[in-house]
Structure formats: structure tokens, C-alpha cells
Amino acid sequence: MGEASSRRREKYAGDLHALGRRVQALRADAGLSQEQLEDLSGVQRLTISGIENAKIDPQLVTLLRLAEALGVRPAELLGN
């Protein structure tokens, strides 16, 4: 593995951590528990926890459901 590949993996891991922090912050700002967000979004609580802890690389449909439940644009979850 080359240095460029290693940098991409590190950036990708950092992006997943940033996504998780944003989901967690938006959920907290909305005053929602993970269970409440599960009820609103249809995304399982364990998946939400995994995203917030950068353990899961979510599918697009999952991000769309979370964004809708949190009342934000999908781009906001991605930091845009």
C-alpha cells in the first residue's frame, strides 16, 4: 500500500467521524434520543449508534431518512 492510499483511508475515517459527530449534534439539538430518532426515521437504533461512533458507513437511503427525521438537508449531514 502506498502513501497516497494510506492518506485516503485516514481522510475517509476522519469523514466518518465528522459525519457521526454531526448526526449526534443534530439529534441532541432536536432533543431526541437514539430511540426517538429510530421511531422518526425508521433507522435502527444500533445503526444510528454505529454511525455516531464511526463504526458504520451508512448507505445513502439511511442518510436521507435521518436527514428528513432531523429536519435538515442531506448535505448538512455531510457538512455542506
PDB file of N, CA and C in Angstrom:
ATOM      1  N   MET A   1       0.836  -1.179   0.000  1.00  0.00           N
ATOM      2  CA  MET A   1       0.000   0.000   0.000  1.00  0.00           C
ATOM      3  C   MET A   1       0.882   1.244   0.000  1.00  0.00           C
ATOM      4  N   GLY A   2       0.493   2.181  -0.834  1.00  0.00           N
ATOM      5  CA  GLY A   2       1.266   3.388  -0.942  1.00  0.00           C
ATOM      6  C   GLY A   2       0.844   4.455   0.040  1.00  0.00           C
ATOM      7  N   GLU A   3       1.639   5.484   0.079  1.00  0.00           N
ATOM      8  CA  GLU A   3       1.361   6.603   0.980  1.00  0.00           C
ATOM      9  C   GLU A   3       0.049   7.291   0.627  1.00  0.00           C
ATOM     10  N   ALA A   4      -0.241   7.443  -0.663  1.00  0.00           N
ATOM     11  CA  ALA A   4      -1.487   8.086  -1.095  1.00  0.00           C
ATOM     12  C   ALA A   4      -2.692   7.275  -0.639  1.00  0.00           C
ATOM     13  N   SER A   5      -2.610   5.971  -0.738  1.00  0.00           N
ATOM     14  CA  SER A   5      -3.697   5.097  -0.303  1.00  0.00           C
ATOM     15  C   SER A   5      -3.923   5.228   1.203  1.00  0.00           C
ATOM     16  N   SER A   6      -2.855   5.310   1.940  1.00  0.00           N
ATOM     17  CA  SER A   6      -2.941   5.469   3.387  1.00  0.00           C
ATOM     18  C   SER A   6      -3.596   6.796   3.759  1.00  0.00           C
ATOM     19  N   ARG A   7      -3.241   7.865   3.041  1.00  0.00           N
ATOM     20  CA  ARG A   7      -3.849   9.181   3.291  1.00  0.00           C
ATOM     21  C   ARG A   7      -5.338   9.153   2.995  1.00  0.00           C
ATOM     22  N   ARG A   8      -5.741   8.470   1.919  1.00  0.00           N
ATOM     23  CA  ARG A   8      -7.171   8.372   1.579  1.00  0.00           C
ATOM     24  C   ARG A   8      -7.933   7.644   2.675  1.00  0.00           C
ATOM     25  N   ARG A   9      -7.371   6.548   3.188  1.00  0.00           N
ATOM     26  CA  ARG A   9      -8.025   5.802   4.263  1.00  0.00           C
ATOM     27  C   ARG A   9      -8.173   6.669   5.504  1.00  0.00           C
ATOM     28  N   GLU A  10      -7.145   7.432   5.841  1.00  0.00           N
ATOM     29  CA  GLU A  10      -7.197   8.310   7.012  1.00  0.00           C
ATOM     30  C   GLU A  10      -8.251   9.393   6.825  1.00  0.00           C
ATOM     31  N   LYS A  11      -8.314   9.982   5.619  1.00  0.00           N
ATOM     32  CA  LYS A  11      -9.308  11.018   5.349  1.00  0.00           C
ATOM     33  C   LYS A  11     -10.707  10.433   5.425  1.00  0.00           C
ATOM     34  N   TYR A  12     -10.888   9.250   4.852  1.00  0.00           N
ATOM     35  CA  TYR A  12     -12.190   8.600   4.877  1.00  0.00           C
ATOM     36  C   TYR A  12     -12.615   8.331   6.318  1.00  0.00           C
ATOM     37  N   ALA A  13     -11.719   7.840   7.150  1.00  0.00           N
ATOM     38  CA  ALA A  13     -12.027   7.594   8.557  1.00  0.00           C
ATOM     39  C   ALA A  13     -12.390   8.901   9.252  1.00  0.00           C
ATOM     40  N   GLY A  14     -11.672   9.968   8.939  1.00  0.00           N
ATOM     41  CA  GLY A  14     -11.990  11.277   9.512  1.00  0.00           C
ATOM     42  C   GLY A  14     -13.354  11.777   9.065  1.00  0.00           C
ATOM     43  N   ASP A  15     -13.692  11.518   7.814  1.00  0.00           N
ATOM     44  CA  ASP A  15     -15.012  11.911   7.300  1.00  0.00           C
ATOM     45  C   ASP A  15     -16.119  11.165   8.029  1.00  0.00           C
ATOM     46  N   LEU A  16     -15.925   9.871   8.294  1.00  0.00           N
ATOM     47  CA  LEU A  16     -16.933   9.096   9.028  1.00  0.00           C
ATOM     48  C   LEU A  16     -17.098   9.615  10.452  1.00  0.00           C
ATOM     49  N   HIS A  17     -15.981   9.995  11.083  1.00  0.00           N
ATOM     50  CA  HIS A  17     -16.064  10.571  12.432  1.00  0.00           C
ATOM     51  C   HIS A  17     -16.822  11.903  12.400  1.00  0.00           C
ATOM     52  N   ALA A  18     -16.544  12.719  11.409  1.00  0.00           N
ATOM     53  CA  ALA A  18     -17.225  14.015  11.300  1.00  0.00           C
ATOM     54  C   ALA A  18     -18.723  13.820  11.064  1.00  0.00           C
ATOM     55  N   LEU A  19     -19.079  12.870  10.218  1.00  0.00           N
ATOM     56  CA  LEU A  19     -20.490  12.572   9.980  1.00  0.00           C
ATOM     57  C   LEU A  19     -21.156  12.143  11.278  1.00  0.00           C
ATOM     58  N   GLY A  20     -20.518  11.265  12.003  1.00  0.00           N
ATOM     59  CA  GLY A  20     -21.080  10.799  13.266  1.00  0.00           C
ATOM     60  C   GLY A  20     -21.286  11.921  14.261  1.00  0.00           C
ATOM     61  N   ARG A  21     -20.317  12.817  14.342  1.00  0.00           N
ATOM     62  CA  ARG A  21     -20.444  13.962  15.267  1.00  0.00           C
ATOM     63  C   ARG A  21     -21.607  14.863  14.848  1.00  0.00           C
ATOM     64  N   ARG A  22     -21.773  15.063  13.528  1.00  0.00           N
ATOM     65  CA  ARG A  22     -22.875  15.915  13.058  1.00  0.00           C
ATOM     66  C   ARG A  22     -24.223  15.279  13.358  1.00  0.00           C
ATOM     67  N   VAL A  23     -24.361  13.981  13.103  1.00  0.00           N
ATOM     68  CA  VAL A  23     -25.629  13.302  13.391  1.00  0.00           C
ATOM     69  C   VAL A  23     -25.933  13.398  14.880  1.00  0.00           C
ATOM     70  N   GLN A  24     -24.937  13.139  15.701  1.00  0.00           N
ATOM     71  CA  GLN A  24     -25.136  13.194  17.151  1.00  0.00           C
ATOM     72  C   GLN A  24     -25.516  14.613  17.603  1.00  0.00           C
ATOM     73  N   ALA A  25     -24.846  15.624  17.071  1.00  0.00           N
ATOM     74  CA  ALA A  25     -25.135  17.004  17.457  1.00  0.00           C
ATOM     75  C   ALA A  25     -26.530  17.422  16.997  1.00  0.00           C
ATOM     76  N   LEU A  26     -26.899  17.074  15.779  1.00  0.00           N
ATOM     77  CA  LEU A  26     -28.234  17.419  15.278  1.00  0.00           C
ATOM     78  C   LEU A  26     -29.316  16.707  16.084  1.00  0.00           C
ATOM     79  N   ARG A  27     -29.065  15.471  16.435  1.00  0.00           N
ATOM     80  CA  ARG A  27     -30.023  14.724  17.250  1.00  0.00           C
ATOM     81  C   ARG A  27     -30.168  15.371  18.624  1.00  0.00           C
ATOM     82  N   ALA A  28     -29.045  15.742  19.233  1.00  0.00           N
ATOM     83  CA  ALA A  28     -29.080  16.387  20.549  1.00  0.00           C
ATOM     84  C   ALA A  28     -29.772  17.744  20.462  1.00  0.00           C
ATOM     85  N   ASP A  29     -29.476  18.516  19.411  1.00  0.00           N
ATOM     86  CA  ASP A  29     -30.117  19.822  19.233  1.00  0.00           C
ATOM     87  C   ASP A  29     -31.633  19.685  19.098  1.00  0.00           C
ATOM     88  N   ALA A  30     -32.069  18.573  18.507  1.00  0.00           N
ATOM     89  CA  ALA A  30     -33.508  18.325  18.348  1.00  0.00           C
ATOM     90  C   ALA A  30     -34.119  17.740  19.619  1.00  0.00           C
ATOM     91  N   GLY A  31     -33.273  17.460  20.604  1.00  0.00           N
ATOM     92  CA  GLY A  31     -33.757  16.912  21.866  1.00  0.00           C
ATOM     93  C   GLY A  31     -34.240  15.474  21.740  1.00  0.00           C
ATOM     94  N   LEU A  32     -33.609  14.728  20.827  1.00  0.00           N
ATOM     95  CA  LEU A  32     -34.041  13.358  20.565  1.00  0.00           C
ATOM     96  C   LEU A  32     -33.047  12.342  21.115  1.00  0.00           C
ATOM     97  N   SER A  33     -33.575  11.262  21.650  1.00  0.00           N
ATOM     98  CA  SER A  33     -32.739  10.116  21.982  1.00  0.00           C
ATOM     99  C   SER A  33     -32.546   9.302  20.707  1.00  0.00           C
ATOM    100  N   GLN A  34     -31.629   8.363  20.759  1.00  0.00           N
ATOM    101  CA  GLN A  34     -31.451   7.487  19.602  1.00  0.00           C
ATOM    102  C   GLN A  34     -32.734   6.697  19.336  1.00  0.00           C
ATOM    103  N   GLU A  35     -33.430   6.303  20.380  1.00  0.00           N
ATOM    104  CA  GLU A  35     -34.680   5.565  20.222  1.00  0.00           C
ATOM    105  C   GLU A  35     -35.743   6.419  19.539  1.00  0.00           C
ATOM    106  N   GLN A  36     -35.823   7.688  19.917  1.00  0.00           N
ATOM    107  CA  GLN A  36     -36.801   8.584  19.294  1.00  0.00           C
ATOM    108  C   GLN A  36     -36.458   8.822  17.828  1.00  0.00           C
ATOM    109  N   LEU A  37     -35.169   8.971  17.524  1.00  0.00           N
ATOM    110  CA  LEU A  37     -34.763   9.144  16.138  1.00  0.00           C
ATOM    111  C   LEU A  37     -35.064   7.878  15.337  1.00  0.00           C
ATOM    112  N   GLU A  38     -34.910   6.736  15.964  1.00  0.00           N
ATOM    113  CA  GLU A  38     -35.277   5.474  15.308  1.00  0.00           C
ATOM    114  C   GLU A  38     -36.758   5.493  14.932  1.00  0.00           C
ATOM    115  N   ASP A  39     -37.611   5.905  15.858  1.00  0.00           N
ATOM    116  CA  ASP A  39     -39.051   5.946  15.597  1.00  0.00           C
ATOM    117  C   ASP A  39     -39.383   6.905  14.457  1.00  0.00           C
ATOM    118  N   LEU A  40     -38.709   8.046  14.427  1.00  0.00           N
ATOM    119  CA  LEU A  40     -38.990   9.055  13.401  1.00  0.00           C
ATOM    120  C   LEU A  40     -38.438   8.682  12.027  1.00  0.00           C
ATOM    121  N   SER A  41     -37.294   8.018  12.008  1.00  0.00           N
ATOM    122  CA  SER A  41     -36.600   7.773  10.740  1.00  0.00           C
ATOM    123  C   SER A  41     -36.782   6.364  10.185  1.00  0.00           C
ATOM    124  N   GLY A  42     -37.082   5.418  11.073  1.00  0.00           N
ATOM    125  CA  GLY A  42     -37.136   4.029  10.654  1.00  0.00           C
ATOM    126  C   GLY A  42     -35.760   3.389  10.576  1.00  0.00           C
ATOM    127  N   VAL A  43     -34.728   4.118  10.997  1.00  0.00           N
ATOM    128  CA  VAL A  43     -33.359   3.601  11.021  1.00  0.00           C
ATOM    129  C   VAL A  43     -33.136   2.992  12.404  1.00  0.00           C
ATOM    130  N   GLN A  44     -32.675   1.766  12.448  1.00  0.00           N
ATOM    131  CA  GLN A  44     -32.495   1.077  13.720  1.00  0.00           C
ATOM    132  C   GLN A  44     -31.531   1.833  14.637  1.00  0.00           C
ATOM    133  N   ARG A  45     -31.834   1.790  15.942  1.00  0.00           N
ATOM    134  CA  ARG A  45     -31.017   2.486  16.929  1.00  0.00           C
ATOM    135  C   ARG A  45     -29.570   2.026  16.872  1.00  0.00           C
ATOM    136  N   LEU A  46     -29.336   0.734  16.677  1.00  0.00           N
ATOM    137  CA  LEU A  46     -27.959   0.246  16.602  1.00  0.00           C
ATOM    138  C   LEU A  46     -27.223   0.827  15.398  1.00  0.00           C
ATOM    139  N   THR A  47     -27.944   1.068  14.319  1.00  0.00           N
ATOM    140  CA  THR A  47     -27.340   1.708  13.144  1.00  0.00           C
ATOM    141  C   THR A  47     -27.016   3.166  13.461  1.00  0.00           C
ATOM    142  N   ILE A  48     -27.938   3.850  14.112  1.00  0.00           N
ATOM    143  CA  ILE A  48     -27.702   5.247  14.499  1.00  0.00           C
ATOM    144  C   ILE A  48     -26.471   5.332  15.401  1.00  0.00           C
ATOM    145  N   SER A  49     -26.403   4.443  16.384  1.00  0.00           N
ATOM    146  CA  SER A  49     -25.248   4.411  17.279  1.00  0.00           C
ATOM    147  C   SER A  49     -23.965   4.139  16.501  1.00  0.00           C
ATOM    148  N   GLY A  50     -24.028   3.202  15.575  1.00  0.00           N
ATOM    149  CA  GLY A  50     -22.857   2.881  14.765  1.00  0.00           C
ATOM    150  C   GLY A  50     -22.381   4.046  13.919  1.00  0.00           C
ATOM    151  N   ILE A  51     -23.331   4.811  13.377  1.00  0.00           N
ATOM    152  CA  ILE A  51     -22.979   5.996  12.594  1.00  0.00           C
ATOM    153  C   ILE A  51     -22.345   7.047  13.502  1.00  0.00           C
ATOM    154  N   GLU A  52     -22.986   7.292  14.646  1.00  0.00           N
ATOM    155  CA  GLU A  52     -22.479   8.307  15.566  1.00  0.00           C
ATOM    156  C   GLU A  52     -21.086   7.964  16.087  1.00  0.00           C
ATOM    157  N   ASN A  53     -20.762   6.683  16.151  1.00  0.00           N
ATOM    158  CA  ASN A  53     -19.460   6.241  16.649  1.00  0.00           C
ATOM    159  C   ASN A  53     -18.499   5.850  15.534  1.00  0.00           C
ATOM    160  N   ALA A  54     -18.841   6.232  14.296  1.00  0.00           N
ATOM    161  CA  ALA A  54     -17.999   5.983  13.112  1.00  0.00           C
ATOM    162  C   ALA A  54     -17.666   4.511  12.928  1.00  0.00           C
ATOM    163  N   LYS A  55     -18.590   3.641  13.311  1.00  0.00           N
ATOM    164  CA  LYS A  55     -18.401   2.200  13.140  1.00  0.00           C
ATOM    165  C   LYS A  55     -19.121   1.690  11.893  1.00  0.00           C
ATOM    166  N   ILE A  56     -20.051   2.496  11.370  1.00  0.00           N
ATOM    167  CA  ILE A  56     -20.860   2.094  10.221  1.00  0.00           C
ATOM    168  C   ILE A  56     -20.726   3.145   9.130  1.00  0.00           C
ATOM    169  N   ASP A  57     -20.546   2.677   7.924  1.00  0.00           N
ATOM    170  CA  ASP A  57     -20.539   3.519   6.726  1.00  0.00           C
ATOM    171  C   ASP A  57     -21.958   3.452   6.160  1.00  0.00           C
ATOM    172  N   PRO A  58     -22.786   4.474   6.420  1.00  0.00           N
ATOM    173  CA  PRO A  58     -24.208   4.364   6.071  1.00  0.00           C
ATOM    174  C   PRO A  58     -24.465   4.444   4.570  1.00  0.00           C
ATOM    175  N   GLN A  59     -25.533   3.774   4.178  1.00  0.00           N
ATOM    176  CA  GLN A  59     -25.999   3.868   2.800  1.00  0.00           C
ATOM    177  C   GLN A  59     -26.702   5.201   2.605  1.00  0.00           C
ATOM    178  N   LEU A  60     -26.809   5.621   1.359  1.00  0.00           N
ATOM    179  CA  LEU A  60     -27.447   6.899   1.034  1.00  0.00           C
ATOM    180  C   LEU A  60     -28.870   6.956   1.563  1.00  0.00           C
ATOM    181  N   VAL A  61     -29.640   5.901   1.388  1.00  0.00           N
ATOM    182  CA  VAL A  61     -31.032   5.911   1.842  1.00  0.00           C
ATOM    183  C   VAL A  61     -31.105   6.136   3.357  1.00  0.00           C
ATOM    184  N   THR A  62     -30.155   5.603   4.094  1.00  0.00           N
ATOM    185  CA  THR A  62     -30.110   5.812   5.545  1.00  0.00           C
ATOM    186  C   THR A  62     -29.870   7.277   5.861  1.00  0.00           C
ATOM    187  N   LEU A  63     -28.940   7.904   5.161  1.00  0.00           N
ATOM    188  CA  LEU A  63     -28.673   9.331   5.370  1.00  0.00           C
ATOM    189  C   LEU A  63     -29.890  10.173   5.017  1.00  0.00           C
ATOM    190  N   LEU A  64     -30.576   9.815   3.958  1.00  0.00           N
ATOM    191  CA  LEU A  64     -31.774  10.559   3.559  1.00  0.00           C
ATOM    192  C   LEU A  64     -32.862  10.450   4.625  1.00  0.00           C
ATOM    193  N   ARG A  65     -33.052   9.277   5.172  1.00  0.00           N
ATOM    194  CA  ARG A  65     -34.063   9.081   6.212  1.00  0.00           C
ATOM    195  C   ARG A  65     -33.707   9.840   7.482  1.00  0.00           C
ATOM    196  N   LEU A  66     -32.434   9.818   7.862  1.00  0.00           N
ATOM    197  CA  LEU A  66     -32.010  10.558   9.050  1.00  0.00           C
ATOM    198  C   LEU A  66     -32.173  12.056   8.846  1.00  0.00           C
ATOM    199  N   ALA A  67     -31.764  12.548   7.694  1.00  0.00           N
ATOM    200  CA  ALA A  67     -31.889  13.983   7.419  1.00  0.00           C
ATOM    201  C   ALA A  67     -33.344  14.422   7.493  1.00  0.00           C
ATOM    202  N   GLU A  68     -34.226  13.653   6.893  1.00  0.00           N
ATOM    203  CA  GLU A  68     -35.650  14.009   6.933  1.00  0.00           C
ATOM    204  C   GLU A  68     -36.167  14.026   8.368  1.00  0.00           C
ATOM    205  N   ALA A  69     -35.822  13.013   9.146  1.00  0.00           N
ATOM    206  CA  ALA A  69     -36.275  12.937  10.534  1.00  0.00           C
ATOM    207  C   ALA A  69     -35.716  14.074  11.380  1.00  0.00           C
ATOM    208  N   LEU A  70     -34.503  14.516  11.055  1.00  0.00           N
ATOM    209  CA  LEU A  70     -33.869  15.603  11.809  1.00  0.00           C
ATOM    210  C   LEU A  70     -34.249  16.984  11.281  1.00  0.00           C
ATOM    211  N   GLY A  71     -34.958  17.012  10.147  1.00  0.00           N
ATOM    212  CA  GLY A  71     -35.402  18.289   9.583  1.00  0.00           C
ATOM    213  C   GLY A  71     -34.285  19.098   8.951  1.00  0.00           C
ATOM    214  N   VAL A  72     -33.307  18.400   8.370  1.00  0.00           N
ATOM    215  CA  VAL A  72     -32.189  19.087   7.721  1.00  0.00           C
ATOM    216  C   VAL A  72     -32.027  18.555   6.300  1.00  0.00           C
ATOM    217  N   ARG A  73     -31.295  19.305   5.499  1.00  0.00           N
ATOM    218  CA  ARG A  73     -30.962  18.833   4.144  1.00  0.00           C
ATOM    219  C   ARG A  73     -29.909  17.735   4.270  1.00  0.00           C
ATOM    220  N   PRO A  74     -29.960  16.732   3.401  1.00  0.00           N
ATOM    221  CA  PRO A  74     -28.937  15.686   3.454  1.00  0.00           C
ATOM    222  C   PRO A  74     -27.516  16.240   3.415  1.00  0.00           C
ATOM    223  N   ALA A  75     -27.309  17.311   2.671  1.00  0.00           N
ATOM    224  CA  ALA A  75     -25.980  17.903   2.579  1.00  0.00           C
ATOM    225  C   ALA A  75     -25.473  18.373   3.937  1.00  0.00           C
ATOM    226  N   GLU A  76     -26.378  18.764   4.821  1.00  0.00           N
ATOM    227  CA  GLU A  76     -25.955  19.206   6.154  1.00  0.00           C
ATOM    228  C   GLU A  76     -25.340  18.054   6.945  1.00  0.00           C
ATOM    229  N   LEU A  77     -25.824  16.839   6.730  1.00  0.00           N
ATOM    230  CA  LEU A  77     -25.228  15.704   7.406  1.00  0.00           C
ATOM    231  C   LEU A  77     -23.801  15.476   6.934  1.00  0.00           C
ATOM    232  N   LEU A  78     -23.555  15.851   5.690  1.00  0.00           N
ATOM    233  CA  LEU A  78     -22.234  15.652   5.104  1.00  0.00           C
ATOM    234  C   LEU A  78     -21.328  16.859   5.304  1.00  0.00           C
ATOM    235  N   GLY A  79     -21.831  17.874   5.984  1.00  0.00           N
ATOM    236  CA  GLY A  79     -21.017  19.038   6.285  1.00  0.00           C
ATOM    237  C   GLY A  79     -20.997  20.095   5.217  1.00  0.00           C
ATOM    238  N   ASN A  80     -21.982  20.071   4.339  1.00  0.00           N
ATOM    239  CA  ASN A  80     -22.055  21.072   3.266  1.00  0.00           C
ATOM    240  C   ASN A  80     -23.193  22.036   3.500  1.00  0.00           C
TER     241      ASN A  80
END
